[in-house]
């Protein structure tokens, strides 16, 4: 299933195709494709080239590890996410390795690495769904995540599945149109809330 963005202005095809499905196929993700995903994440930009990202990766090839990560998911994510053949945690190192000072850009940089991973996944016909609904404290304990590292998101990865496999409420969510704010609601110029003249006099529009 594809749900390409109806963009108000031209964007790259990978960006148009990217969305976060709930239905995943049981087909396993090839190791060489996983290698490509994390190589893409590796080359993301970061503050002082700190590269504060880490990933915990659990696949159905290791059922006990996969189930441990499943056990960290919120009740709302369990019905669909447990079917994904790959589950991950993104983790941020909260301090700079060079001086031990707090790195307030760490979460931002982890997000950049994950977006690199997502776009590489799309290029390989894989899909990603990120989740805030997980027990970070439990994940820290079960996977031995150090105190100076912060679990950021749970991530489901795999080939797209059939929406008919989902329970009715989730199937409706899967089939619903995509929605985005128009540009004039979040791109500002000289003052907060004012339009950005650099984008021209007329911009915005409805994004689905």
Protein backbone atom coordinates (compact mmCIF):
# COMPACT_ATOMS: atom_id res chain seq x y z
CA UNK A 1 0.00 0.00 0.00
CA UNK A 2 1.24 3.48 -0.89
CA UNK A 3 0.02 6.83 0.47
CA UNK A 4 2.09 9.44 -1.38
CA UNK A 5 1.98 12.99 -0.10
CA UNK A 6 0.01 15.49 -2.15
CA UNK A 7 2.58 18.23 -1.77
CA UNK A 8 1.85 21.92 -2.31
CA UNK A 9 5.34 22.31 -3.85
CA UNK A 10 7.77 19.87 -5.50
CA UNK A 11 9.64 17.51 -3.15
CA UNK A 12 11.81 14.43 -3.74
CA UNK A 13 9.97 11.22 -4.56
CA UNK A 14 11.36 9.45 -1.48
CA UNK A 15 9.88 12.18 0.71
CA UNK A 16 6.53 11.89 -1.06
CA UNK A 17 6.44 8.11 -0.55
CA UNK A 18 7.50 8.17 3.10
CA UNK A 19 4.73 7.44 5.56
CA UNK A 20 4.31 5.41 8.75
CA UNK A 21 2.22 2.28 8.14
CA UNK A 22 0.70 0.04 10.79
CA UNK A 23 0.55 -3.11 8.66
CA UNK A 24 3.84 -4.96 8.20
CA UNK A 25 4.60 -8.12 6.28
CA UNK A 26 6.18 -11.04 8.10
CA UNK A 27 8.93 -11.12 5.48
CA UNK A 28 12.34 -10.85 7.11
CA UNK A 29 14.58 -7.89 6.28
CA UNK A 30 17.83 -8.95 4.66
CA UNK A 31 20.99 -8.29 6.75
CA UNK A 32 22.64 -6.40 3.89
CA UNK A 33 19.68 -4.01 3.79
CA UNK A 34 19.92 -3.42 7.53
CA UNK A 35 23.61 -2.68 7.03
CA UNK A 36 22.71 -0.03 4.44
CA UNK A 37 20.19 1.57 6.80
CA UNK A 38 22.67 2.00 9.61
CA UNK A 39 25.38 3.13 7.22
CA UNK A 40 22.96 5.89 6.15
CA UNK A 41 22.38 6.78 9.82
CA UNK A 42 26.12 6.81 10.38
CA UNK A 43 26.59 9.64 7.89
CA UNK A 44 24.05 12.01 9.43
CA UNK A 45 25.29 15.44 10.55
CA UNK A 46 25.71 16.17 14.26
CA UNK A 47 26.91 18.90 16.60
CA UNK A 48 30.74 18.84 16.72
CA UNK A 49 30.49 15.54 14.81
CA UNK A 50 29.61 13.96 18.16
CA UNK A 51 27.41 11.28 16.55
CA UNK A 52 25.38 10.76 19.74
CA UNK A 53 23.11 8.11 18.24
CA UNK A 54 22.90 4.48 19.27
CA UNK A 55 20.47 1.76 18.23
CA UNK A 56 19.22 -1.42 19.84
CA UNK A 57 18.06 -3.79 17.08
CA UNK A 58 15.87 -6.86 17.65
CA UNK A 59 14.64 -9.10 14.86
CA UNK A 60 12.40 -12.14 14.69
CA UNK A 61 15.55 -14.17 14.00
CA UNK A 62 16.20 -13.70 17.74
CA UNK A 63 12.69 -14.24 19.17
CA UNK A 64 13.63 -13.65 22.82
CA UNK A 65 15.20 -10.26 22.08
CA UNK A 66 12.30 -9.28 19.81
CA UNK A 67 9.78 -10.19 22.52
CA UNK A 68 11.72 -8.21 25.13
CA UNK A 69 11.36 -5.11 23.01
CA UNK A 70 7.70 -5.91 22.36
CA UNK A 71 7.21 -6.00 26.14
CA UNK A 72 8.34 -2.35 26.32
CA UNK A 73 5.68 -1.09 23.92
CA UNK A 74 2.55 0.70 25.05
CA UNK A 75 -0.77 -1.13 24.89
CA UNK A 76 -1.90 0.96 21.94
CA UNK A 77 1.13 -0.02 19.84
CA UNK A 78 1.16 -3.73 20.69
CA UNK A 79 -1.53 -5.00 18.27
CA UNK A 80 0.31 -3.83 15.16
CA UNK A 81 3.96 -3.24 16.09
CA UNK A 82 4.64 -6.76 17.34
CA UNK A 83 4.12 -8.07 13.78
CA UNK A 84 7.05 -6.02 12.42
CA UNK A 85 10.06 -8.29 11.77
CA UNK A 86 12.47 -5.64 13.06
CA UNK A 87 12.00 -3.57 16.21
CA UNK A 88 14.53 -0.99 17.35
CA UNK A 89 15.22 1.62 19.97
CA UNK A 90 16.95 4.87 19.11
CA UNK A 91 19.10 6.06 21.99
CA UNK A 92 20.84 9.40 22.55
CA UNK A 93 24.08 9.92 24.46
CA UNK A 94 23.28 13.04 26.49
CA UNK A 95 26.84 14.29 27.09
CA UNK A 96 29.77 15.20 24.86
CA UNK A 97 32.50 12.58 24.88
CA UNK A 98 35.18 15.27 24.55
CA UNK A 99 34.40 17.10 27.81
CA UNK A 100 31.43 15.45 29.56
CA UNK A 101 29.26 18.56 29.22
CA UNK A 102 25.52 18.19 28.47
CA UNK A 103 24.74 17.98 24.77
CA UNK A 104 21.40 19.72 24.30
CA UNK A 105 21.48 18.90 20.59
CA UNK A 106 21.66 15.13 21.13
CA UNK A 107 17.97 14.41 20.55
CA UNK A 108 17.96 16.61 17.46
CA UNK A 109 20.97 14.75 16.06
CA UNK A 110 19.46 11.33 16.78
CA UNK A 111 16.42 12.50 14.81
CA UNK A 112 18.67 13.40 11.88
CA UNK A 113 20.25 9.95 11.95
CA UNK A 114 16.85 8.26 12.05
CA UNK A 115 15.59 10.33 9.12
CA UNK A 116 18.66 9.24 7.12
CA UNK A 117 17.78 5.66 8.03
CA UNK A 118 14.15 6.18 7.00
CA UNK A 119 14.98 7.62 3.60
CA UNK A 120 17.44 4.81 2.91
CA UNK A 121 14.71 2.38 3.93
CA UNK A 122 12.30 3.97 1.45
CA UNK A 123 14.91 3.61 -1.29
CA UNK A 124 14.92 -0.14 -0.50
CA UNK A 125 11.09 -0.40 -0.38
CA UNK A 126 11.12 -0.76 3.40
CA UNK A 127 8.89 1.23 5.72
CA UNK A 128 9.45 2.64 9.21
CA UNK A 129 7.04 3.63 11.97
CA UNK A 130 8.44 5.49 14.97
CA UNK A 131 6.72 5.29 18.36
CA UNK A 132 6.80 7.48 21.42
CA UNK A 133 4.57 4.95 23.19
CA UNK A 134 7.03 2.73 25.02
CA UNK A 135 8.37 2.29 28.55
CA UNK A 136 11.79 3.94 28.49
CA UNK A 137 12.64 2.89 32.05
CA UNK A 138 11.84 -0.75 31.31
CA UNK A 139 13.83 -0.60 28.08
CA UNK A 140 16.79 0.83 29.98
CA UNK A 141 16.68 -2.09 32.41
CA UNK A 142 16.04 -4.89 29.92
CA UNK A 143 18.74 -3.78 27.48
CA UNK A 144 21.32 -2.40 29.92
CA UNK A 145 21.24 1.14 28.53
CA UNK A 146 23.73 3.33 30.47
CA UNK A 147 22.51 6.16 32.72
CA UNK A 148 24.03 8.89 30.52
CA UNK A 149 22.06 7.64 27.51
CA UNK A 150 18.37 8.33 26.86
CA UNK A 151 15.98 6.00 25.00
CA UNK A 152 14.33 8.27 22.43
CA UNK A 153 11.88 6.23 20.36
CA UNK A 154 10.80 2.70 19.54
CA UNK A 155 10.91 1.94 15.83
CA UNK A 156 9.15 -0.72 13.74
CA UNK A 157 10.69 -1.64 10.40
CA UNK A 158 9.76 -4.00 7.62
CA UNK A 159 8.12 -4.56 4.27
CA UNK A 160 4.56 -3.24 3.92
CA UNK A 161 1.75 -5.61 4.81
CA UNK A 162 -1.96 -5.94 4.04
CA UNK A 163 -4.15 -3.41 5.90
CA UNK A 164 -6.84 -6.10 6.07
CA UNK A 165 -4.74 -7.85 8.72
CA UNK A 166 -5.38 -4.96 11.14
CA UNK A 167 -8.28 -4.71 13.61
CA UNK A 168 -11.06 -2.42 12.28
CA UNK A 169 -10.09 0.75 14.22
CA UNK A 170 -6.46 0.47 13.11
CA UNK A 171 -7.51 -0.35 9.56
CA UNK A 172 -9.51 2.88 9.45
CA UNK A 173 -6.49 4.78 10.70
CA UNK A 174 -4.32 3.11 8.06
CA UNK A 175 -6.66 4.11 5.25
CA UNK A 176 -7.31 7.68 6.44
CA UNK A 177 -5.93 10.61 4.40
CA UNK A 178 -2.63 12.11 5.51
CA UNK A 179 -2.75 15.63 6.93
CA UNK A 180 -0.14 18.37 7.33
CA UNK A 181 -0.22 22.01 8.38
CA UNK A 182 0.24 24.55 5.58
CA UNK A 183 3.58 26.38 5.45
CA UNK A 184 2.20 29.69 6.69
CA UNK A 185 1.42 28.06 10.05
CA UNK A 186 5.03 27.18 10.84
CA UNK A 187 7.41 29.15 8.58
CA UNK A 188 7.87 32.73 9.83
CA UNK A 189 9.82 35.80 8.77
CA UNK A 190 11.04 38.80 10.79
CA UNK A 191 8.65 38.17 13.70
CA UNK A 192 7.02 35.09 15.11
CA UNK A 193 3.72 34.47 13.37
CA UNK A 194 4.49 36.68 10.37
CA UNK A 195 4.83 35.23 6.90
CA UNK A 196 8.33 34.69 5.52
CA UNK A 197 8.85 37.00 2.54
CA UNK A 198 11.66 34.78 1.31
CA UNK A 199 9.02 32.23 0.26
CA UNK A 200 7.15 34.73 -1.89
CA UNK A 201 3.89 36.49 -1.33
CA UNK A 202 1.63 33.47 -1.59
CA UNK A 203 2.42 30.20 0.09
CA UNK A 204 0.72 27.68 2.33
CA UNK A 205 -2.07 25.46 1.13
CA UNK A 206 -3.45 22.24 2.53
CA UNK A 207 -1.21 19.18 2.73
CA UNK A 208 -2.65 15.69 3.01
